[in-house]
Protein backbone atom coordinates (compact mmCIF):
# COMPACT_ATOMS: atom_id res chain seq x y z
CA UNK A 1 -70.05 -60.01 -22.75
CA UNK A 2 -70.77 -60.45 -19.41
CA UNK A 3 -70.89 -64.39 -18.60
CA UNK A 4 -71.47 -66.18 -15.23
CA UNK A 5 -67.94 -67.23 -14.22
CA UNK A 6 -67.09 -70.85 -12.94
CA UNK A 7 -66.71 -71.22 -9.08
CA UNK A 8 -62.87 -70.11 -8.53
CA UNK A 9 -61.04 -73.45 -7.26
CA UNK A 10 -59.62 -72.68 -3.77
CA UNK A 11 -55.96 -73.87 -4.47
CA UNK A 12 -53.64 -74.89 -7.26
CA UNK A 13 -50.33 -76.39 -6.34
CA UNK A 14 -47.39 -75.66 -8.74
CA UNK A 15 -45.32 -78.85 -9.38
CA UNK A 16 -43.50 -77.56 -12.26
CA UNK A 17 -39.74 -76.04 -11.61
CA UNK A 18 -39.87 -73.80 -14.27
CA UNK A 19 -43.33 -72.35 -13.27
CA UNK A 20 -42.45 -71.84 -9.94
CA UNK A 21 -39.15 -69.93 -11.06
CA UNK A 22 -41.81 -67.64 -12.32
CA UNK A 23 -42.62 -66.79 -8.81
CA UNK A 24 -39.01 -65.96 -7.55
CA UNK A 25 -39.97 -62.20 -8.45
CA UNK A 26 -41.38 -59.86 -5.86
CA UNK A 27 -43.45 -57.90 -8.25
CA UNK A 28 -44.88 -61.01 -9.96
CA UNK A 29 -45.70 -62.44 -6.54
CA UNK A 30 -47.78 -59.08 -6.05
CA UNK A 31 -49.18 -58.92 -9.75
CA UNK A 32 -50.38 -63.05 -8.97
CA UNK A 33 -51.47 -61.66 -5.07
CA UNK A 34 -53.33 -58.70 -6.28
CA UNK A 35 -55.57 -61.01 -9.57
CA UNK A 36 -56.36 -63.61 -6.43
CA UNK A 37 -57.99 -60.64 -4.57
CA UNK A 38 -59.91 -58.78 -7.01
CA UNK A 39 -60.19 -61.96 -8.82
CA UNK A 40 -60.93 -60.38 -12.04
CA UNK A 41 -59.34 -57.41 -13.15
CA UNK A 42 -57.61 -55.24 -15.95
CA UNK A 43 -53.70 -53.83 -15.85
CA UNK A 44 -55.27 -50.26 -14.72
CA UNK A 45 -56.79 -52.25 -11.50
CA UNK A 46 -53.65 -54.07 -10.80
CA UNK A 47 -51.59 -51.09 -11.11
CA UNK A 48 -53.81 -49.29 -8.78
CA UNK A 49 -53.79 -52.45 -6.19
CA UNK A 50 -50.36 -52.63 -6.32
CA UNK A 51 -49.27 -48.60 -6.87
CA UNK A 52 -47.24 -49.26 -9.63
CA UNK A 53 -47.54 -48.15 -13.28
CA UNK A 54 -49.52 -50.25 -15.81
CA UNK A 55 -46.38 -50.07 -18.07
CA UNK A 56 -43.92 -51.75 -15.61
CA UNK A 57 -46.67 -54.47 -15.12
CA UNK A 58 -47.34 -55.44 -18.74
CA UNK A 59 -43.88 -58.04 -19.08
CA UNK A 60 -44.81 -59.44 -15.72
CA UNK A 61 -48.49 -60.46 -16.29
CA UNK A 62 -47.56 -62.06 -19.93
CA UNK A 63 -44.74 -64.25 -17.74
CA UNK A 64 -47.93 -65.07 -15.63
CA UNK A 65 -49.98 -65.50 -18.17
CA UNK A 66 -47.16 -67.92 -20.53
CA UNK A 67 -46.75 -69.68 -17.21
CA UNK A 68 -50.51 -70.57 -16.90
CA UNK A 69 -50.62 -68.59 -13.28
CA UNK A 70 -53.51 -66.24 -14.69
CA UNK A 71 -55.20 -66.46 -17.41
CA UNK A 72 -56.74 -63.76 -20.10
CA UNK A 73 -60.47 -63.80 -19.42
CA UNK A 74 -62.72 -61.59 -21.38
CA UNK A 75 -62.32 -57.88 -22.48
CA UNK A 76 -64.77 -54.93 -21.28
CA UNK A 77 -65.54 -52.03 -22.41
CA UNK A 78 -63.32 -49.10 -20.60
CA UNK A 79 -64.58 -45.22 -21.99
CA UNK A 80 -64.43 -46.00 -26.18
CA UNK A 81 -61.70 -49.13 -25.93
CA UNK A 82 -61.85 -52.42 -24.66
CA UNK A 83 -59.47 -53.81 -21.93
CA UNK A 84 -58.30 -56.95 -21.24
CA UNK A 85 -59.74 -58.75 -18.19
CA UNK A 86 -57.01 -61.29 -16.10
CA UNK A 87 -58.39 -64.09 -13.53
CA UNK A 88 -56.61 -66.43 -11.42
CA UNK A 89 -56.32 -69.73 -11.75
CA UNK A 90 -57.09 -70.58 -8.56
CA UNK A 91 -57.70 -67.94 -4.59
CA UNK A 92 -54.92 -69.12 -4.03
CA UNK A 93 -51.32 -70.42 -5.67
CA UNK A 94 -48.83 -72.97 -3.54
CA UNK A 95 -45.64 -74.63 -4.47
CA UNK A 96 -44.99 -78.09 -3.49
CA UNK A 97 -41.54 -77.96 -1.72
CA UNK A 98 -39.09 -80.99 -2.08
CA UNK A 99 -36.02 -81.00 0.10
CA UNK A 100 -34.18 -83.63 -1.90
CA UNK A 101 -33.97 -81.55 -5.11
CA UNK A 102 -31.29 -78.75 -4.90
CA UNK A 103 -33.51 -76.63 -7.62
CA UNK A 104 -36.60 -76.65 -5.86
CA UNK A 105 -34.98 -75.68 -2.58
CA UNK A 106 -33.24 -73.19 -4.27
CA UNK A 107 -36.69 -71.71 -6.20
CA UNK A 108 -38.03 -71.66 -2.44
CA UNK A 109 -35.15 -69.92 -1.09
CA UNK A 110 -35.84 -67.05 -3.78
CA UNK A 111 -39.59 -67.17 -3.04
CA UNK A 112 -39.02 -66.46 1.00
CA UNK A 113 -36.78 -63.64 -0.23
CA UNK A 114 -39.26 -61.89 -2.47
CA UNK A 115 -42.14 -62.37 -0.29
CA UNK A 116 -40.08 -60.90 2.41
CA UNK A 117 -39.09 -57.68 -0.07
CA UNK A 118 -42.67 -57.29 -1.17
CA UNK A 119 -43.59 -57.39 2.45
CA UNK A 120 -41.09 -54.79 3.12
CA UNK A 121 -42.47 -52.53 0.29
CA UNK A 122 -46.28 -52.99 1.82
CA UNK A 123 -45.54 -52.22 5.23
CA UNK A 124 -43.51 -49.21 4.20
CA UNK A 125 -46.08 -47.91 2.53
CA UNK A 126 -48.74 -48.94 5.27
CA UNK A 127 -46.99 -47.15 7.60
CA UNK A 128 -46.56 -43.91 5.99
CA UNK A 129 -50.38 -43.53 5.96
CA UNK A 130 -51.75 -41.51 8.60
CA UNK A 131 -54.85 -44.03 8.58
CA UNK A 132 -52.68 -46.95 9.84
CA UNK A 133 -54.05 -48.38 12.99
CA UNK A 134 -50.88 -49.96 14.93
CA UNK A 135 -52.27 -50.36 18.31
CA UNK A 136 -55.41 -52.17 20.07
CA UNK A 137 -57.95 -54.47 18.32
CA UNK A 138 -58.36 -52.62 15.07
CA UNK A 139 -54.56 -52.99 14.52
CA UNK A 140 -53.59 -53.13 10.69
CA UNK A 141 -50.37 -52.78 10.77
CA UNK A 142 -47.32 -54.49 12.07
CA UNK A 143 -43.86 -55.77 11.87
CA UNK A 144 -42.11 -57.69 14.03
CA UNK A 145 -39.51 -60.81 14.33
CA UNK A 146 -39.87 -63.37 17.72
CA UNK A 147 -37.50 -65.63 17.87
CA UNK A 148 -38.98 -68.68 20.48
CA UNK A 149 -37.83 -71.92 22.41
CA UNK A 150 -40.69 -74.44 21.48
CA UNK A 151 -41.51 -77.97 22.17
CA UNK A 152 -43.42 -79.93 19.78
CA UNK A 153 -46.51 -79.23 21.56
CA UNK A 154 -46.14 -75.66 20.91
CA UNK A 155 -44.86 -75.70 17.56
CA UNK A 156 -47.95 -77.66 16.67
CA UNK A 157 -49.92 -74.75 18.35
CA UNK A 158 -48.27 -72.22 16.17
CA UNK A 159 -48.90 -74.57 13.26
CA UNK A 160 -52.73 -74.31 14.03
CA UNK A 161 -53.07 -70.90 14.27
CA UNK A 162 -51.36 -70.59 10.99
CA UNK A 163 -54.07 -72.62 9.76
CA UNK A 164 -56.55 -70.42 11.16
CA UNK A 165 -54.49 -67.21 9.51
CA UNK A 166 -55.07 -69.06 6.76
CA UNK A 167 -58.34 -70.15 6.94
CA UNK A 168 -59.65 -66.57 7.20
CA UNK A 169 -57.90 -65.36 4.10
CA UNK A 170 -59.49 -68.66 1.98
CA UNK A 171 -62.87 -67.53 3.26
CA UNK A 172 -62.38 -63.66 2.62
CA UNK A 173 -64.55 -61.90 0.00
CA UNK A 174 -64.87 -58.39 -1.41
CA UNK A 175 -67.88 -56.43 0.39
CA UNK A 176 -69.12 -53.58 2.40
CA UNK A 177 -67.26 -52.82 5.50
CA UNK A 178 -64.37 -54.92 4.54
CA UNK A 179 -60.77 -53.97 3.49
CA UNK A 180 -57.35 -55.57 2.73
CA UNK A 181 -54.84 -56.23 4.91
CA UNK A 182 -51.63 -58.05 3.84
CA UNK A 183 -50.57 -60.80 5.70
CA UNK A 184 -47.30 -62.50 5.11
CA UNK A 185 -45.68 -64.95 7.48
CA UNK A 186 -42.13 -66.56 7.08
CA UNK A 187 -41.82 -69.58 9.86
CA UNK A 188 -38.04 -70.55 10.21
CA UNK A 189 -36.31 -72.99 12.34
CA UNK A 190 -33.34 -72.22 13.68
CA UNK A 191 -30.76 -74.83 13.74
CA UNK A 192 -28.11 -73.14 16.01
CA UNK A 193 -28.43 -75.09 19.67
CA UNK A 194 -27.59 -73.01 22.66
CA UNK A 195 -23.97 -73.74 22.81
CA UNK A 196 -23.05 -72.13 19.71
């Protein structure tokens, strides 16, 4: 049953509002992230990756498949039965922001909230583990909120650092000595002025 899979596209940008709204759920964001990270996986593997029950995942997987955000791949033998494998449409999925479209703006706000809730859950799970490294050059667990007064040059530097983080994520693949870390970033300007 094993045929050579075609190379995975790096990025798929979603423009359709209905498809975007599928990603306004932290569970579906987590499932999509699992499938993109594992590249080919069963419901059992998604359940293990997310720490959720298989039964709770089925409706979310179905919505992601129906929206075209993940695809059903081959089936593989697992014990005495075959299990469905799922594949991502790309290593990363993004959505196009359109400030002139109120529904699009609402979606991006909902997505930001979903990512925030998911990162909170992942951080909670990480900090509960005695294996977490919270200090030093091998730190793998961190949460913080920092407000900074930046000029245009410093904002450009922030965006370069975000771009470098993105590059590290894009270039990552499973391998010996590697582990998964979840990196979530929300950059949000504060429109208040100092005098307010």
